[in-house]
Amino acid sequence: MASDTPSEQKRFYSTSSPWEAKFGYYRAVRHGRHIFVSGSTAADPDSPPEAPRVRFPGDARQQTRITLEEIIQAIQAVGGRGAESVVRCRMFVSRKEDCGIVGEAFREVLGKHNGGQVGAAATMIVVANSFVDDDMLVEIEVDAIAEED
């Protein structure tokens, strides 16, 4: 659900993620042409905030793909084109052995292709001690630029 706050020239987008409900943040915020997408995971949007579940436990590739798809939806919800709008991607991975498959999934969705229309600066970091849920293998945040205000 996208909403505007004209006085601040910001747009906000929320999903039904149990983590957004629990901690009170937005999935994406647009200010001017800049779009910032919060750290996103494969959290099950139908799970309750008091007992969040993760989709595809044990499968870093699927978690990456579904997370990137949701990020693209968030960008579009606040007026970005989608994958073409992404300029920077930060990937946090809980297991070093998953870096290769996470990178492959990134390449499939946001890698440099489509005649130069899709591609982003990217960083991948292996995190110590995992995430807020042990089933989460990947968390991704992106910055994007919309074509117009």
C-alpha atoms as a PDB file:
ATOM      1  CA  MET A   1       0.000   0.000   0.000  1.00  0.00           C
ATOM      2  CA  ALA A   2       1.580   3.262  -1.152  1.00  0.00           C
ATOM      3  CA  SER A   3       0.798   6.561   0.535  1.00  0.00           C
ATOM      4  CA  ASP A   4       1.923  10.142  -0.037  1.00  0.00           C
ATOM      5  CA  THR A   5       2.833  12.805   2.475  1.00  0.00           C
ATOM      6  CA  PRO A   6       2.857  15.931   0.238  1.00  0.00           C
ATOM      7  CA  SER A   7       4.267  18.294   2.845  1.00  0.00           C
ATOM      8  CA  GLU A   8       7.397  16.162   3.123  1.00  0.00           C
ATOM      9  CA  GLN A   9       7.445  15.072  -0.535  1.00  0.00           C
ATOM     10  CA  LYS A  10       7.783  11.474   0.583  1.00  0.00           C
ATOM     11  CA  ARG A  11       5.944   8.369  -0.511  1.00  0.00           C
ATOM     12  CA  PHE A  12       5.751   5.297   1.668  1.00  0.00           C
ATOM     13  CA  TYR A  13       5.060   1.666   0.821  1.00  0.00           C
ATOM     14  CA  SER A  14       4.133  -1.058   3.282  1.00  0.00           C
ATOM     15  CA  THR A  15       3.545  -4.766   2.858  1.00  0.00           C
ATOM     16  CA  SER A  16       1.924  -7.310   5.123  1.00  0.00           C
ATOM     17  CA  SER A  17       5.358  -8.455   6.340  1.00  0.00           C
ATOM     18  CA  PRO A  18       5.171  -9.502   9.981  1.00  0.00           C
ATOM     19  CA  TRP A  19       8.456  -7.679  10.636  1.00  0.00           C
ATOM     20  CA  GLU A  20       7.112  -4.356   9.343  1.00  0.00           C
ATOM     21  CA  ALA A  21       4.112  -4.729  11.641  1.00  0.00           C
ATOM     22  CA  LYS A  22       6.254  -5.740  14.602  1.00  0.00           C
ATOM     23  CA  PHE A  23       8.876  -2.978  14.304  1.00  0.00           C
ATOM     24  CA  GLY A  24       6.915  -0.218  12.535  1.00  0.00           C
ATOM     25  CA  TYR A  25       9.025   0.523   9.464  1.00  0.00           C
ATOM     26  CA  TYR A  26       8.150   0.907   5.782  1.00  0.00           C
ATOM     27  CA  ARG A  27       9.264  -1.507   3.072  1.00  0.00           C
ATOM     28  CA  ALA A  28      10.140   1.444   0.827  1.00  0.00           C
ATOM     29  CA  VAL A  29      10.385   5.204   1.061  1.00  0.00           C
ATOM     30  CA  ARG A  30      10.625   7.543  -1.894  1.00  0.00           C
ATOM     31  CA  HIS A  31      11.884  11.091  -1.464  1.00  0.00           C
ATOM     32  CA  GLY A  32      12.069  13.053  -4.703  1.00  0.00           C
ATOM     33  CA  ARG A  33      13.506  10.656  -7.261  1.00  0.00           C
ATOM     34  CA  HIS A  34      15.351   8.558  -4.648  1.00  0.00           C
ATOM     35  CA  ILE A  35      13.858   5.232  -3.551  1.00  0.00           C
ATOM     36  CA  PHE A  36      15.174   3.360  -0.519  1.00  0.00           C
ATOM     37  CA  VAL A  37      14.037  -0.220   0.062  1.00  0.00           C
ATOM     38  CA  SER A  38      14.480  -1.622   3.565  1.00  0.00           C
ATOM     39  CA  GLY A  39      16.341  -4.819   4.246  1.00  0.00           C
ATOM     40  CA  SER A  40      14.022  -7.457   2.813  1.00  0.00           C
ATOM     41  CA  THR A  41      13.850 -11.192   3.408  1.00  0.00           C
ATOM     42  CA  ALA A  42      11.741 -14.184   2.452  1.00  0.00           C
ATOM     43  CA  ALA A  43       9.419 -13.614   5.419  1.00  0.00           C
ATOM     44  CA  ASP A  44       5.992 -15.155   4.909  1.00  0.00           C
ATOM     45  CA  PRO A  45       3.599 -12.183   4.584  1.00  0.00           C
ATOM     46  CA  ASP A  46       0.739 -14.334   5.870  1.00  0.00           C
ATOM     47  CA  SER A  47       2.465 -15.181   9.139  1.00  0.00           C
ATOM     48  CA  PRO A  48       1.545 -13.220  12.274  1.00  0.00           C
ATOM     49  CA  PRO A  49       3.929 -10.631  13.810  1.00  0.00           C
ATOM     50  CA  GLU A  50       4.111 -12.663  17.017  1.00  0.00           C
ATOM     51  CA  ALA A  51       5.273 -15.788  15.116  1.00  0.00           C
ATOM     52  CA  PRO A  52       6.886 -14.801  11.783  1.00  0.00           C
ATOM     53  CA  ARG A  53       7.756 -17.593   9.371  1.00  0.00           C
ATOM     54  CA  VAL A  54      10.302 -17.699   6.547  1.00  0.00           C
ATOM     55  CA  ARG A  55       9.541 -19.090   3.093  1.00  0.00           C
ATOM     56  CA  PHE A  56      11.962 -21.607   1.552  1.00  0.00           C
ATOM     57  CA  PRO A  57      13.951 -22.458   4.708  1.00  0.00           C
ATOM     58  CA  GLY A  58      17.362 -23.845   3.768  1.00  0.00           C
ATOM     59  CA  ASP A  59      17.169 -22.578   0.154  1.00  0.00           C
ATOM     60  CA  ALA A  60      19.227 -19.390  -0.271  1.00  0.00           C
ATOM     61  CA  ARG A  61      18.595 -19.234  -4.038  1.00  0.00           C
ATOM     62  CA  GLN A  62      14.809 -19.209  -3.678  1.00  0.00           C
ATOM     63  CA  GLN A  63      14.978 -16.792  -0.755  1.00  0.00           C
ATOM     64  CA  THR A  64      17.077 -14.437  -2.898  1.00  0.00           C
ATOM     65  CA  ARG A  65      14.763 -14.637  -5.911  1.00  0.00           C
ATOM     66  CA  ILE A  66      11.547 -14.074  -3.947  1.00  0.00           C
ATOM     67  CA  THR A  67      13.165 -11.230  -1.988  1.00  0.00           C
ATOM     68  CA  LEU A  68      14.341  -9.477  -5.163  1.00  0.00           C
ATOM     69  CA  GLU A  69      10.887  -9.896  -6.727  1.00  0.00           C
ATOM     70  CA  GLU A  70       9.291  -8.255  -3.688  1.00  0.00           C
ATOM     71  CA  ILE A  71      11.854  -5.445  -3.800  1.00  0.00           C
ATOM     72  CA  ILE A  72      10.975  -4.776  -7.442  1.00  0.00           C
ATOM     73  CA  GLN A  73       7.272  -4.641  -6.511  1.00  0.00           C
ATOM     74  CA  ALA A  74       8.079  -2.106  -3.777  1.00  0.00           C
ATOM     75  CA  ILE A  75      10.011   0.074  -6.234  1.00  0.00           C
ATOM     76  CA  GLN A  76       7.109   0.002  -8.675  1.00  0.00           C
ATOM     77  CA  ALA A  77       4.628   0.813  -5.898  1.00  0.00           C
ATOM     78  CA  VAL A  78       6.347   4.163  -5.255  1.00  0.00           C
ATOM     79  CA  GLY A  79       6.728   5.073  -8.921  1.00  0.00           C
ATOM     80  CA  GLY A  80       9.961   3.422 -10.026  1.00  0.00           C
ATOM     81  CA  ARG A  81      10.134   1.347 -13.198  1.00  0.00           C
ATOM     82  CA  GLY A  82      11.335  -1.801 -11.449  1.00  0.00           C
ATOM     83  CA  ALA A  83      14.677  -3.575 -11.852  1.00  0.00           C
ATOM     84  CA  GLU A  84      15.791  -0.827 -14.243  1.00  0.00           C
ATOM     85  CA  SER A  85      15.549   1.723 -11.410  1.00  0.00           C
ATOM     86  CA  VAL A  86      17.951  -0.090  -9.052  1.00  0.00           C
ATOM     87  CA  VAL A  87      21.363   1.562  -8.708  1.00  0.00           C
ATOM     88  CA  ARG A  88      22.765  -0.151  -5.595  1.00  0.00           C
ATOM     89  CA  CYS A  89      22.176  -3.506  -3.924  1.00  0.00           C
ATOM     90  CA  ARG A  90      23.464  -4.792  -0.588  1.00  0.00           C
ATOM     91  CA  MET A  91      23.145  -8.518   0.056  1.00  0.00           C
ATOM     92  CA  PHE A  92      23.672  -9.967   3.512  1.00  0.00           C
ATOM     93  CA  VAL A  93      24.190 -13.739   3.600  1.00  0.00           C
ATOM     94  CA  SER A  94      24.254 -15.899   6.728  1.00  0.00           C
ATOM     95  CA  ARG A  95      26.300 -18.794   5.292  1.00  0.00           C
ATOM     96  CA  LYS A  96      29.501 -18.257   3.311  1.00  0.00           C
ATOM     97  CA  GLU A  97      28.796 -21.346   1.212  1.00  0.00           C
ATOM     98  CA  ASP A  98      25.629 -19.671  -0.150  1.00  0.00           C
ATOM     99  CA  CYS A  99      27.445 -16.669  -1.655  1.00  0.00           C
ATOM    100  CA  GLY A 100      27.755 -18.300  -5.087  1.00  0.00           C
ATOM    101  CA  ILE A 101      24.075 -19.185  -5.447  1.00  0.00           C
ATOM    102  CA  VAL A 102      22.968 -15.841  -4.011  1.00  0.00           C
ATOM    103  CA  GLY A 103      25.199 -14.127  -6.574  1.00  0.00           C
ATOM    104  CA  GLU A 104      23.718 -16.258  -9.372  1.00  0.00           C
ATOM    105  CA  ALA A 105      20.169 -15.351  -8.328  1.00  0.00           C
ATOM    106  CA  PHE A 106      21.180 -11.671  -8.188  1.00  0.00           C
ATOM    107  CA  ARG A 107      22.623 -11.932 -11.713  1.00  0.00           C
ATOM    108  CA  GLU A 108      19.377 -13.470 -13.020  1.00  0.00           C
ATOM    109  CA  VAL A 109      17.225 -10.649 -11.646  1.00  0.00           C
ATOM    110  CA  LEU A 110      19.435  -7.537 -11.351  1.00  0.00           C
ATOM    111  CA  GLY A 111      22.641  -8.433 -13.173  1.00  0.00           C
ATOM    112  CA  LYS A 112      23.926  -6.459 -16.141  1.00  0.00           C
ATOM    113  CA  HIS A 113      21.825  -7.488 -19.111  1.00  0.00           C
ATOM    114  CA  ASN A 114      18.888  -6.187 -21.173  1.00  0.00           C
ATOM    115  CA  GLY A 115      21.111  -3.937 -23.262  1.00  0.00           C
ATOM    116  CA  GLY A 116      22.422  -2.037 -20.272  1.00  0.00           C
ATOM    117  CA  GLN A 117      18.988  -1.140 -18.856  1.00  0.00           C
ATOM    118  CA  VAL A 118      19.341  -3.411 -15.808  1.00  0.00           C
ATOM    119  CA  GLY A 119      22.377  -3.493 -13.568  1.00  0.00           C
ATOM    120  CA  ALA A 120      23.475  -2.213 -10.180  1.00  0.00           C
ATOM    121  CA  ALA A 121      26.472  -1.615  -7.990  1.00  0.00           C
ATOM    122  CA  ALA A 122      26.432  -4.478  -5.502  1.00  0.00           C
ATOM    123  CA  THR A 123      27.964  -5.616  -2.242  1.00  0.00           C
ATOM    124  CA  MET A 124      27.681  -9.029  -0.581  1.00  0.00           C
ATOM    125  CA  ILE A 125      28.519  -9.441   3.090  1.00  0.00           C
ATOM    126  CA  VAL A 126      28.555 -12.625   5.162  1.00  0.00           C
ATOM    127  CA  VAL A 127      27.026 -11.836   8.547  1.00  0.00           C
ATOM    128  CA  ALA A 128      28.056 -13.447  11.805  1.00  0.00           C
ATOM    129  CA  ASN A 129      25.439 -15.019  14.069  1.00  0.00           C
ATOM    130  CA  SER A 130      22.678 -15.023  11.428  1.00  0.00           C
ATOM    131  CA  PHE A 131      19.551 -12.837  11.344  1.00  0.00           C
ATOM    132  CA  VAL A 132      16.537 -12.295  13.610  1.00  0.00           C
ATOM    133  CA  ASP A 133      15.235 -15.697  12.449  1.00  0.00           C
ATOM    134  CA  ASP A 134      17.567 -18.661  11.973  1.00  0.00           C
ATOM    135  CA  ASP A 135      15.675 -19.714   8.807  1.00  0.00           C
ATOM    136  CA  MET A 136      16.596 -16.425   7.100  1.00  0.00           C
ATOM    137  CA  LEU A 137      19.594 -16.994   4.870  1.00  0.00           C
ATOM    138  CA  VAL A 138      19.557 -13.738   2.896  1.00  0.00           C
ATOM    139  CA  GLU A 139      18.581 -10.122   3.530  1.00  0.00           C
ATOM    140  CA  ILE A 140      18.738  -7.565   0.727  1.00  0.00           C
ATOM    141  CA  GLU A 141      18.362  -3.795   0.623  1.00  0.00           C
ATOM    142  CA  VAL A 142      18.479  -1.578  -2.444  1.00  0.00           C
ATOM    143  CA  ASP A 143      18.586   2.044  -3.503  1.00  0.00           C
ATOM    144  CA  ALA A 144      16.872   3.081  -6.705  1.00  0.00           C
ATOM    145  CA  ILE A 145      16.272   6.228  -8.734  1.00  0.00           C
ATOM    146  CA  ALA A 146      12.905   6.982 -10.329  1.00  0.00           C
ATOM    147  CA  GLU A 147      12.884   8.687 -13.713  1.00  0.00           C
ATOM    148  CA  GLU A 148      10.538  11.499 -12.643  1.00  0.00           C
ATOM    149  CA  ASP A 149       9.169  13.087  -9.479  1.00  0.00           C
END
